[in-house]
Amino acid sequence: MQVWKTVKIKNDDKQINLAANSFTNYIFKYGPISNISSKYKISEEDMKVLSTYTSNRIAGLLLLFLAKDIDRINDIANKYNNNQSLTITPEIEGYIEK
């Protein structure tokens, strides 16, 4: 597998930033992340760090997707596929059609 370097975009893409932040808020708003932060009393500052990290990762994936950089997307998928037998059910706005 090729080792990729961190990419910094010279001009911020406001659409990518908006989408990444929105996706992060969507993922974190309700569910386990919200429950975990309450249960373990995670500080606002730590949640901000976690949200920023997550938004940066989502933005990177969005940029690869928009660039149609299938090689790097596949590298990521292969590297982080830990073969856990998770049951994955696509979910949109908390509604799952049965």
PDB file of N, CA and C in Angstrom:
ATOM      1  N   MET A   1       0.844  -1.180   0.000  1.00  0.00           N
ATOM      2  CA  MET A   1       0.000   0.000   0.000  1.00  0.00           C
ATOM      3  C   MET A   1       0.890   1.243   0.000  1.00  0.00           C
ATOM      4  N   GLN A   2       0.492   2.211  -0.762  1.00  0.00           N
ATOM      5  CA  GLN A   2       1.224   3.468  -0.839  1.00  0.00           C
ATOM      6  C   GLN A   2       0.949   4.311   0.405  1.00  0.00           C
ATOM      7  N   VAL A   3       1.978   4.985   0.896  1.00  0.00           N
ATOM      8  CA  VAL A   3       1.817   5.870   2.043  1.00  0.00           C
ATOM      9  C   VAL A   3       1.473   7.256   1.521  1.00  0.00           C
ATOM     10  N   TRP A   4       0.362   7.792   1.990  1.00  0.00           N
ATOM     11  CA  TRP A   4      -0.108   9.096   1.530  1.00  0.00           C
ATOM     12  C   TRP A   4       0.253  10.150   2.562  1.00  0.00           C
ATOM     13  N   LYS A   5       0.549  11.310   2.095  1.00  0.00           N
ATOM     14  CA  LYS A   5       0.857  12.444   2.955  1.00  0.00           C
ATOM     15  C   LYS A   5      -0.422  13.221   3.244  1.00  0.00           C
ATOM     16  N   THR A   6      -0.405  13.987   4.308  1.00  0.00           N
ATOM     17  CA  THR A   6      -1.528  14.868   4.614  1.00  0.00           C
ATOM     18  C   THR A   6      -1.603  15.946   3.547  1.00  0.00           C
ATOM     19  N   VAL A   7      -2.798  16.229   3.114  1.00  0.00           N
ATOM     20  CA  VAL A   7      -3.007  17.236   2.073  1.00  0.00           C
ATOM     21  C   VAL A   7      -3.619  18.472   2.703  1.00  0.00           C
ATOM     22  N   LYS A   8      -3.091  19.612   2.403  1.00  0.00           N
ATOM     23  CA  LYS A   8      -3.675  20.882   2.850  1.00  0.00           C
ATOM     24  C   LYS A   8      -4.178  21.617   1.620  1.00  0.00           C
ATOM     25  N   ILE A   9      -5.419  22.028   1.657  1.00  0.00           N
ATOM     26  CA  ILE A   9      -6.019  22.755   0.548  1.00  0.00           C
ATOM     27  C   ILE A   9      -5.662  24.233   0.709  1.00  0.00           C
ATOM     28  N   LYS A  10      -5.143  24.836  -0.345  1.00  0.00           N
ATOM     29  CA  LYS A  10      -4.732  26.243  -0.278  1.00  0.00           C
ATOM     30  C   LYS A  10      -5.919  27.167  -0.060  1.00  0.00           C
ATOM     31  N   ASN A  11      -6.945  26.986  -0.834  1.00  0.00           N
ATOM     32  CA  ASN A  11      -8.144  27.821  -0.703  1.00  0.00           C
ATOM     33  C   ASN A  11      -9.244  26.961  -0.095  1.00  0.00           C
ATOM     34  N   ASP A  12      -9.748  27.394   1.068  1.00  0.00           N
ATOM     35  CA  ASP A  12     -10.818  26.628   1.699  1.00  0.00           C
ATOM     36  C   ASP A  12     -12.004  26.495   0.761  1.00  0.00           C
ATOM     37  N   ASP A  13     -12.500  25.289   0.645  1.00  0.00           N
ATOM     38  CA  ASP A  13     -13.711  25.041  -0.130  1.00  0.00           C
ATOM     39  C   ASP A  13     -14.877  25.114   0.850  1.00  0.00           C
ATOM     40  N   LYS A  14     -15.622  26.189   0.800  1.00  0.00           N
ATOM     41  CA  LYS A  14     -16.705  26.416   1.764  1.00  0.00           C
ATOM     42  C   LYS A  14     -17.764  25.323   1.687  1.00  0.00           C
ATOM     43  N   GLN A  15     -17.996  24.767   0.509  1.00  0.00           N
ATOM     44  CA  GLN A  15     -18.994  23.703   0.370  1.00  0.00           C
ATOM     45  C   GLN A  15     -18.534  22.440   1.097  1.00  0.00           C
ATOM     46  N   ILE A  16     -17.250  22.110   0.957  1.00  0.00           N
ATOM     47  CA  ILE A  16     -16.702  20.936   1.643  1.00  0.00           C
ATOM     48  C   ILE A  16     -16.757  21.164   3.155  1.00  0.00           C
ATOM     49  N   ASN A  17     -16.362  22.354   3.598  1.00  0.00           N
ATOM     50  CA  ASN A  17     -16.394  22.662   5.034  1.00  0.00           C
ATOM     51  C   ASN A  17     -17.821  22.541   5.576  1.00  0.00           C
ATOM     52  N   LEU A  18     -18.773  23.118   4.861  1.00  0.00           N
ATOM     53  CA  LEU A  18     -20.170  23.072   5.289  1.00  0.00           C
ATOM     54  C   LEU A  18     -20.659  21.629   5.376  1.00  0.00           C
ATOM     55  N   ALA A  19     -20.387  20.846   4.340  1.00  0.00           N
ATOM     56  CA  ALA A  19     -20.839  19.456   4.321  1.00  0.00           C
ATOM     57  C   ALA A  19     -20.178  18.652   5.438  1.00  0.00           C
ATOM     58  N   ALA A  20     -18.866  18.811   5.621  1.00  0.00           N
ATOM     59  CA  ALA A  20     -18.157  18.052   6.653  1.00  0.00           C
ATOM     60  C   ALA A  20     -18.673  18.403   8.046  1.00  0.00           C
ATOM     61  N   ASN A  21     -18.870  19.685   8.306  1.00  0.00           N
ATOM     62  CA  ASN A  21     -19.398  20.093   9.614  1.00  0.00           C
ATOM     63  C   ASN A  21     -20.825  19.590   9.817  1.00  0.00           C
ATOM     64  N   SER A  22     -21.631  19.669   8.782  1.00  0.00           N
ATOM     65  CA  SER A  22     -23.014  19.196   8.875  1.00  0.00           C
ATOM     66  C   SER A  22     -23.051  17.689   9.123  1.00  0.00           C
ATOM     67  N   PHE A  23     -22.216  16.933   8.413  1.00  0.00           N
ATOM     68  CA  PHE A  23     -22.173  15.479   8.607  1.00  0.00           C
ATOM     69  C   PHE A  23     -21.731  15.135  10.019  1.00  0.00           C
ATOM     70  N   THR A  24     -20.727  15.855  10.523  1.00  0.00           N
ATOM     71  CA  THR A  24     -20.245  15.597  11.883  1.00  0.00           C
ATOM     72  C   THR A  24     -21.343  15.864  12.901  1.00  0.00           C
ATOM     73  N   ASN A  25     -22.024  16.995  12.756  1.00  0.00           N
ATOM     74  CA  ASN A  25     -23.127  17.301  13.674  1.00  0.00           C
ATOM     75  C   ASN A  25     -24.237  16.265  13.557  1.00  0.00           C
ATOM     76  N   TYR A  26     -24.520  15.823  12.346  1.00  0.00           N
ATOM     77  CA  TYR A  26     -25.548  14.805  12.104  1.00  0.00           C
ATOM     78  C   TYR A  26     -25.175  13.497  12.805  1.00  0.00           C
ATOM     79  N   ILE A  27     -23.906  13.110  12.704  1.00  0.00           N
ATOM     80  CA  ILE A  27     -23.444  11.864  13.307  1.00  0.00           C
ATOM     81  C   ILE A  27     -23.437  11.968  14.835  1.00  0.00           C
ATOM     82  N   PHE A  28     -23.006  13.109  15.366  1.00  0.00           N
ATOM     83  CA  PHE A  28     -22.834  13.257  16.809  1.00  0.00           C
ATOM     84  C   PHE A  28     -24.092  13.673  17.548  1.00  0.00           C
ATOM     85  N   LYS A  29     -25.049  14.310  16.897  1.00  0.00           N
ATOM     86  CA  LYS A  29     -26.153  14.979  17.587  1.00  0.00           C
ATOM     87  C   LYS A  29     -26.947  14.039  18.490  1.00  0.00           C
ATOM     88  N   TYR A  30     -27.444  12.976  17.955  1.00  0.00           N
ATOM     89  CA  TYR A  30     -28.232  12.024  18.734  1.00  0.00           C
ATOM     90  C   TYR A  30     -27.575  10.667  18.604  1.00  0.00           C
ATOM     91  N   GLY A  31     -27.585   9.920  19.663  1.00  0.00           N
ATOM     92  CA  GLY A  31     -27.031   8.573  19.594  1.00  0.00           C
ATOM     93  C   GLY A  31     -25.880   8.373  20.541  1.00  0.00           C
ATOM     94  N   PRO A  32     -25.061   7.383  20.250  1.00  0.00           N
ATOM     95  CA  PRO A  32     -24.014   6.972  21.186  1.00  0.00           C
ATOM     96  C   PRO A  32     -23.022   8.077  21.550  1.00  0.00           C
ATOM     97  N   ILE A  33     -22.611   8.902  20.596  1.00  0.00           N
ATOM     98  CA  ILE A  33     -21.622   9.946  20.913  1.00  0.00           C
ATOM     99  C   ILE A  33     -22.192  10.917  21.941  1.00  0.00           C
ATOM    100  N   SER A  34     -23.427  11.314  21.757  1.00  0.00           N
ATOM    101  CA  SER A  34     -24.079  12.213  22.700  1.00  0.00           C
ATOM    102  C   SER A  34     -24.202  11.555  24.068  1.00  0.00           C
ATOM    103  N   ASN A  35     -24.603  10.297  24.088  1.00  0.00           N
ATOM    104  CA  ASN A  35     -24.748   9.564  25.343  1.00  0.00           C
ATOM    105  C   ASN A  35     -23.401   9.376  26.048  1.00  0.00           C
ATOM    106  N   ILE A  36     -22.370   9.058  25.281  1.00  0.00           N
ATOM    107  CA  ILE A  36     -21.039   8.850  25.857  1.00  0.00           C
ATOM    108  C   ILE A  36     -20.506  10.143  26.458  1.00  0.00           C
ATOM    109  N   SER A  37     -20.690  11.253  25.743  1.00  0.00           N
ATOM    110  CA  SER A  37     -20.180  12.530  26.263  1.00  0.00           C
ATOM    111  C   SER A  37     -20.870  12.906  27.569  1.00  0.00           C
ATOM    112  N   SER A  38     -22.149  12.589  27.709  1.00  0.00           N
ATOM    113  CA  SER A  38     -22.866  12.866  28.961  1.00  0.00           C
ATOM    114  C   SER A  38     -22.428  11.908  30.065  1.00  0.00           C
ATOM    115  N   LYS A  39     -22.362  10.632  29.718  1.00  0.00           N
ATOM    116  CA  LYS A  39     -22.043   9.607  30.707  1.00  0.00           C
ATOM    117  C   LYS A  39     -20.658   9.814  31.313  1.00  0.00           C
ATOM    118  N   TYR A  40     -19.684  10.137  30.465  1.00  0.00           N
ATOM    119  CA  TYR A  40     -18.308  10.262  30.945  1.00  0.00           C
ATOM    120  C   TYR A  40     -17.887  11.715  31.156  1.00  0.00           C
ATOM    121  N   LYS A  41     -18.861  12.607  31.102  1.00  0.00           N
ATOM    122  CA  LYS A  41     -18.615  14.030  31.358  1.00  0.00           C
ATOM    123  C   LYS A  41     -17.448  14.583  30.534  1.00  0.00           C
ATOM    124  N   ILE A  42     -17.512  14.334  29.231  1.00  0.00           N
ATOM    125  CA  ILE A  42     -16.496  14.841  28.310  1.00  0.00           C
ATOM    126  C   ILE A  42     -16.695  16.347  28.183  1.00  0.00           C
ATOM    127  N   SER A  43     -15.627  17.091  28.343  1.00  0.00           N
ATOM    128  CA  SER A  43     -15.718  18.550  28.346  1.00  0.00           C
ATOM    129  C   SER A  43     -16.080  19.083  26.957  1.00  0.00           C
ATOM    130  N   GLU A  44     -16.590  20.303  26.948  1.00  0.00           N
ATOM    131  CA  GLU A  44     -16.917  20.974  25.686  1.00  0.00           C
ATOM    132  C   GLU A  44     -15.669  21.088  24.810  1.00  0.00           C
ATOM    133  N   GLU A  45     -14.528  21.397  25.428  1.00  0.00           N
ATOM    134  CA  GLU A  45     -13.272  21.549  24.685  1.00  0.00           C
ATOM    135  C   GLU A  45     -12.853  20.228  24.037  1.00  0.00           C
ATOM    136  N   ASP A  46     -12.986  19.125  24.776  1.00  0.00           N
ATOM    137  CA  ASP A  46     -12.641  17.815  24.216  1.00  0.00           C
ATOM    138  C   ASP A  46     -13.603  17.421  23.092  1.00  0.00           C
ATOM    139  N   MET A  47     -14.879  17.759  23.252  1.00  0.00           N
ATOM    140  CA  MET A  47     -15.845  17.477  22.188  1.00  0.00           C
ATOM    141  C   MET A  47     -15.528  18.306  20.950  1.00  0.00           C
ATOM    142  N   LYS A  48     -15.054  19.537  21.155  1.00  0.00           N
ATOM    143  CA  LYS A  48     -14.676  20.379  20.021  1.00  0.00           C
ATOM    144  C   LYS A  48     -13.490  19.761  19.279  1.00  0.00           C
ATOM    145  N   VAL A  49     -12.514  19.257  20.030  1.00  0.00           N
ATOM    146  CA  VAL A  49     -11.351  18.605  19.411  1.00  0.00           C
ATOM    147  C   VAL A  49     -11.801  17.373  18.629  1.00  0.00           C
ATOM    148  N   LEU A  50     -12.659  16.560  19.220  1.00  0.00           N
ATOM    149  CA  LEU A  50     -13.164  15.362  18.552  1.00  0.00           C
ATOM    150  C   LEU A  50     -13.972  15.724  17.304  1.00  0.00           C
ATOM    151  N   SER A  51     -14.807  16.743  17.401  1.00  0.00           N
ATOM    152  CA  SER A  51     -15.607  17.182  16.247  1.00  0.00           C
ATOM    153  C   SER A  51     -14.729  17.718  15.128  1.00  0.00           C
ATOM    154  N   THR A  52     -13.705  18.488  15.489  1.00  0.00           N
ATOM    155  CA  THR A  52     -12.785  19.026  14.481  1.00  0.00           C
ATOM    156  C   THR A  52     -12.059  17.899  13.766  1.00  0.00           C
ATOM    157  N   TYR A  53     -11.562  16.945  14.522  1.00  0.00           N
ATOM    158  CA  TYR A  53     -10.868  15.797  13.939  1.00  0.00           C
ATOM    159  C   TYR A  53     -11.792  15.043  12.978  1.00  0.00           C
ATOM    160  N   THR A  54     -13.009  14.796  13.436  1.00  0.00           N
ATOM    161  CA  THR A  54     -13.970  14.064  12.606  1.00  0.00           C
ATOM    162  C   THR A  54     -14.323  14.862  11.345  1.00  0.00           C
ATOM    163  N   SER A  55     -14.556  16.160  11.485  1.00  0.00           N
ATOM    164  CA  SER A  55     -14.871  17.002  10.328  1.00  0.00           C
ATOM    165  C   SER A  55     -13.728  17.019   9.325  1.00  0.00           C
ATOM    166  N   ASN A  56     -12.499  17.090   9.813  1.00  0.00           N
ATOM    167  CA  ASN A  56     -11.339  17.066   8.909  1.00  0.00           C
ATOM    168  C   ASN A  56     -11.272  15.759   8.132  1.00  0.00           C
ATOM    169  N   ARG A  57     -11.537  14.644   8.798  1.00  0.00           N
ATOM    170  CA  ARG A  57     -11.513  13.347   8.128  1.00  0.00           C
ATOM    171  C   ARG A  57     -12.637  13.236   7.085  1.00  0.00           C
ATOM    172  N   ILE A  58     -13.824  13.695   7.455  1.00  0.00           N
ATOM    173  CA  ILE A  58     -14.950  13.654   6.514  1.00  0.00           C
ATOM    174  C   ILE A  58     -14.653  14.544   5.316  1.00  0.00           C
ATOM    175  N   ALA A  59     -14.094  15.734   5.553  1.00  0.00           N
ATOM    176  CA  ALA A  59     -13.745  16.642   4.448  1.00  0.00           C
ATOM    177  C   ALA A  59     -12.740  15.980   3.506  1.00  0.00           C
ATOM    178  N   GLY A  60     -11.771  15.290   4.071  1.00  0.00           N
ATOM    179  CA  GLY A  60     -10.793  14.582   3.236  1.00  0.00           C
ATOM    180  C   GLY A  60     -11.452  13.524   2.366  1.00  0.00           C
ATOM    181  N   LEU A  61     -12.374  12.764   2.951  1.00  0.00           N
ATOM    182  CA  LEU A  61     -13.091  11.750   2.171  1.00  0.00           C
ATOM    183  C   LEU A  61     -13.948  12.385   1.087  1.00  0.00           C
ATOM    184  N   LEU A  62     -14.599  13.501   1.420  1.00  0.00           N
ATOM    185  CA  LEU A  62     -15.405  14.198   0.414  1.00  0.00           C
ATOM    186  C   LEU A  62     -14.541  14.690  -0.743  1.00  0.00           C
ATOM    187  N   LEU A  63     -13.376  15.247  -0.427  1.00  0.00           N
ATOM    188  CA  LEU A  63     -12.475  15.707  -1.491  1.00  0.00           C
ATOM    189  C   LEU A  63     -12.032  14.553  -2.382  1.00  0.00           C
ATOM    190  N   LEU A  64     -11.703  13.421  -1.777  1.00  0.00           N
ATOM    191  CA  LEU A  64     -11.325  12.251  -2.587  1.00  0.00           C
ATOM    192  C   LEU A  64     -12.483  11.789  -3.459  1.00  0.00           C
ATOM    193  N   PHE A  65     -13.686  11.789  -2.893  1.00  0.00           N
ATOM    194  CA  PHE A  65     -14.856  11.381  -3.646  1.00  0.00           C
ATOM    195  C   PHE A  65     -15.109  12.311  -4.822  1.00  0.00           C
ATOM    196  N   LEU A  66     -15.053  13.625  -4.561  1.00  0.00           N
ATOM    197  CA  LEU A  66     -15.297  14.597  -5.634  1.00  0.00           C
ATOM    198  C   LEU A  66     -14.215  14.543  -6.708  1.00  0.00           C
ATOM    199  N   ALA A  67     -12.990  14.216  -6.296  1.00  0.00           N
ATOM    200  CA  ALA A  67     -11.887  14.107  -7.248  1.00  0.00           C
ATOM    201  C   ALA A  67     -11.893  12.748  -7.966  1.00  0.00           C
ATOM    202  N   LYS A  68     -12.819  11.893  -7.562  1.00  0.00           N
ATOM    203  CA  LYS A  68     -12.907  10.534  -8.120  1.00  0.00           C
ATOM    204  C   LYS A  68     -11.577   9.787  -7.962  1.00  0.00           C
ATOM    205  N   ASP A  69     -10.931   9.995  -6.805  1.00  0.00           N
ATOM    206  CA  ASP A  69      -9.644   9.363  -6.511  1.00  0.00           C
ATOM    207  C   ASP A  69      -9.890   7.993  -5.870  1.00  0.00           C
ATOM    208  N   ILE A  70     -10.295   7.064  -6.713  1.00  0.00           N
ATOM    209  CA  ILE A  70     -10.670   5.729  -6.256  1.00  0.00           C
ATOM    210  C   ILE A  70      -9.489   5.004  -5.611  1.00  0.00           C
ATOM    211  N   ASP A  71      -8.271   5.230  -6.102  1.00  0.00           N
ATOM    212  CA  ASP A  71      -7.101   4.564  -5.527  1.00  0.00           C
ATOM    213  C   ASP A  71      -6.931   4.894  -4.054  1.00  0.00           C
ATOM    214  N   ARG A  72      -7.008   6.175  -3.725  1.00  0.00           N
ATOM    215  CA  ARG A  72      -6.829   6.566  -2.323  1.00  0.00           C
ATOM    216  C   ARG A  72      -8.018   6.131  -1.468  1.00  0.00           C
ATOM    217  N   ILE A  73      -9.216   6.183  -2.019  1.00  0.00           N
ATOM    218  CA  ILE A  73     -10.387   5.701  -1.276  1.00  0.00           C
ATOM    219  C   ILE A  73     -10.230   4.216  -0.980  1.00  0.00           C
ATOM    220  N   ASN A  74      -9.790   3.449  -1.965  1.00  0.00           N
ATOM    221  CA  ASN A  74      -9.568   2.013  -1.756  1.00  0.00           C
ATOM    222  C   ASN A  74      -8.459   1.758  -0.743  1.00  0.00           C
ATOM    223  N   ASP A  75      -7.395   2.553  -0.798  1.00  0.00           N
ATOM    224  CA  ASP A  75      -6.318   2.411   0.188  1.00  0.00           C
ATOM    225  C   ASP A  75      -6.854   2.600   1.605  1.00  0.00           C
ATOM    226  N   ILE A  76      -7.685   3.604   1.797  1.00  0.00           N
ATOM    227  CA  ILE A  76      -8.264   3.863   3.110  1.00  0.00           C
ATOM    228  C   ILE A  76      -9.166   2.710   3.529  1.00  0.00           C
ATOM    229  N   ALA A  77     -10.023   2.281   2.622  1.00  0.00           N
ATOM    230  CA  ALA A  77     -10.939   1.179   2.931  1.00  0.00           C
ATOM    231  C   ALA A  77     -10.172  -0.084   3.286  1.00  0.00           C
ATOM    232  N   ASN A  78      -9.112  -0.383   2.543  1.00  0.00           N
ATOM    233  CA  ASN A  78      -8.320  -1.584   2.819  1.00  0.00           C
ATOM    234  C   ASN A  78      -7.551  -1.471   4.130  1.00  0.00           C
ATOM    235  N   LYS A  79      -6.998  -0.300   4.396  1.00  0.00           N
ATOM    236  CA  LYS A  79      -6.209  -0.114   5.613  1.00  0.00           C
ATOM    237  C   LYS A  79      -7.064  -0.222   6.873  1.00  0.00           C
ATOM    238  N   TYR A  80      -8.266   0.330   6.837  1.00  0.00           N
ATOM    239  CA  TYR A  80      -9.089   0.403   8.038  1.00  0.00           C
ATOM    240  C   TYR A  80     -10.181  -0.653   8.103  1.00  0.00           C
ATOM    241  N   ASN A  81     -10.173  -1.601   7.191  1.00  0.00           N
ATOM    242  CA  ASN A  81     -11.123  -2.703   7.249  1.00  0.00           C
ATOM    243  C   ASN A  81     -10.580  -3.717   8.252  1.00  0.00           C
ATOM    244  N   ASN A  82     -11.169  -3.757   9.437  1.00  0.00           N
ATOM    245  CA  ASN A  82     -10.664  -4.656  10.465  1.00  0.00           C
ATOM    246  C   ASN A  82     -11.432  -5.971  10.530  1.00  0.00           C
ATOM    247  N   ASN A  83     -12.254  -6.225   9.522  1.00  0.00           N
ATOM    248  CA  ASN A  83     -12.988  -7.482   9.384  1.00  0.00           C
ATOM    249  C   ASN A  83     -13.868  -7.821  10.579  1.00  0.00           C
ATOM    250  N   GLN A  84     -14.293  -6.810  11.332  1.00  0.00           N
ATOM    251  CA  GLN A  84     -15.258  -7.078  12.389  1.00  0.00           C
ATOM    252  C   GLN A  84     -16.590  -7.406  11.750  1.00  0.00           C
ATOM    253  N   SER A  85     -17.291  -8.310  12.353  1.00  0.00           N
ATOM    254  CA  SER A  85     -18.592  -8.680  11.795  1.00  0.00           C
ATOM    255  C   SER A  85     -19.673  -7.777  12.385  1.00  0.00           C
ATOM    256  N   LEU A  86     -19.674  -6.525  11.937  1.00  0.00           N
ATOM    257  CA  LEU A  86     -20.684  -5.576  12.381  1.00  0.00           C
ATOM    258  C   LEU A  86     -21.897  -5.678  11.472  1.00  0.00           C
ATOM    259  N   THR A  87     -23.064  -5.516  12.040  1.00  0.00           N
ATOM    260  CA  THR A  87     -24.271  -5.429  11.239  1.00  0.00           C
ATOM    261  C   THR A  87     -24.447  -3.962  10.883  1.00  0.00           C
ATOM    262  N   ILE A  88     -24.358  -3.645   9.612  1.00  0.00           N
ATOM    263  CA  ILE A  88     -24.456  -2.258   9.163  1.00  0.00           C
ATOM    264  C   ILE A  88     -25.804  -2.043   8.506  1.00  0.00           C
ATOM    265  N   THR A  89     -26.533  -1.071   9.023  1.00  0.00           N
ATOM    266  CA  THR A  89     -27.838  -0.721   8.490  1.00  0.00           C
ATOM    267  C   THR A  89     -27.805   0.753   8.127  1.00  0.00           C
ATOM    268  N   PRO A  90     -27.818   1.082   6.836  1.00  0.00           N
ATOM    269  CA  PRO A  90     -27.802   2.500   6.451  1.00  0.00           C
ATOM    270  C   PRO A  90     -28.963   3.241   7.105  1.00  0.00           C
ATOM    271  N   GLU A  91     -28.648   4.411   7.615  1.00  0.00           N
ATOM    272  CA  GLU A  91     -29.642   5.196   8.338  1.00  0.00           C
ATOM    273  C   GLU A  91     -29.607   6.634   7.848  1.00  0.00           C
ATOM    274  N   ILE A  92     -30.785   7.187   7.631  1.00  0.00           N
ATOM    275  CA  ILE A  92     -30.904   8.579   7.230  1.00  0.00           C
ATOM    276  C   ILE A  92     -31.927   9.235   8.147  1.00  0.00           C
ATOM    277  N   GLU A  93     -31.500  10.308   8.814  1.00  0.00           N
ATOM    278  CA  GLU A  93     -32.381  11.060   9.725  1.00  0.00           C
ATOM    279  C   GLU A  93     -33.096  10.155  10.720  1.00  0.00           C
ATOM    280  N   GLY A  94     -32.420   9.094  11.136  1.00  0.00           N
ATOM    281  CA  GLY A  94     -32.977   8.233  12.166  1.00  0.00           C
ATOM    282  C   GLY A  94     -34.103   7.325  11.684  1.00  0.00           C
ATOM    283  N   TYR A  95     -34.414   7.362  10.423  1.00  0.00           N
ATOM    284  CA  TYR A  95     -35.515   6.537   9.897  1.00  0.00           C
ATOM    285  C   TYR A  95     -34.930   5.415   9.061  1.00  0.00           C
ATOM    286  N   ILE A  96     -35.316   4.196   9.397  1.00  0.00           N
ATOM    287  CA  ILE A  96     -34.867   3.028   8.631  1.00  0.00           C
ATOM    288  C   ILE A  96     -36.103   2.321   8.095  1.00  0.00           C
ATOM    289  N   GLU A  97     -36.151   2.180   6.786  1.00  0.00           N
ATOM    290  CA  GLU A  97     -37.287   1.481   6.187  1.00  0.00           C
ATOM    291  C   GLU A  97     -37.087  -0.012   6.361  1.00  0.00           C
ATOM    292  N   LYS A  98     -38.111  -0.687   6.853  1.00  0.00           N
ATOM    293  CA  LYS A  98     -37.993  -2.128   7.116  1.00  0.00           C
ATOM    294  C   LYS A  98     -38.567  -2.924   5.984  1.00  0.00           C
TER     295      LYS A  98
END
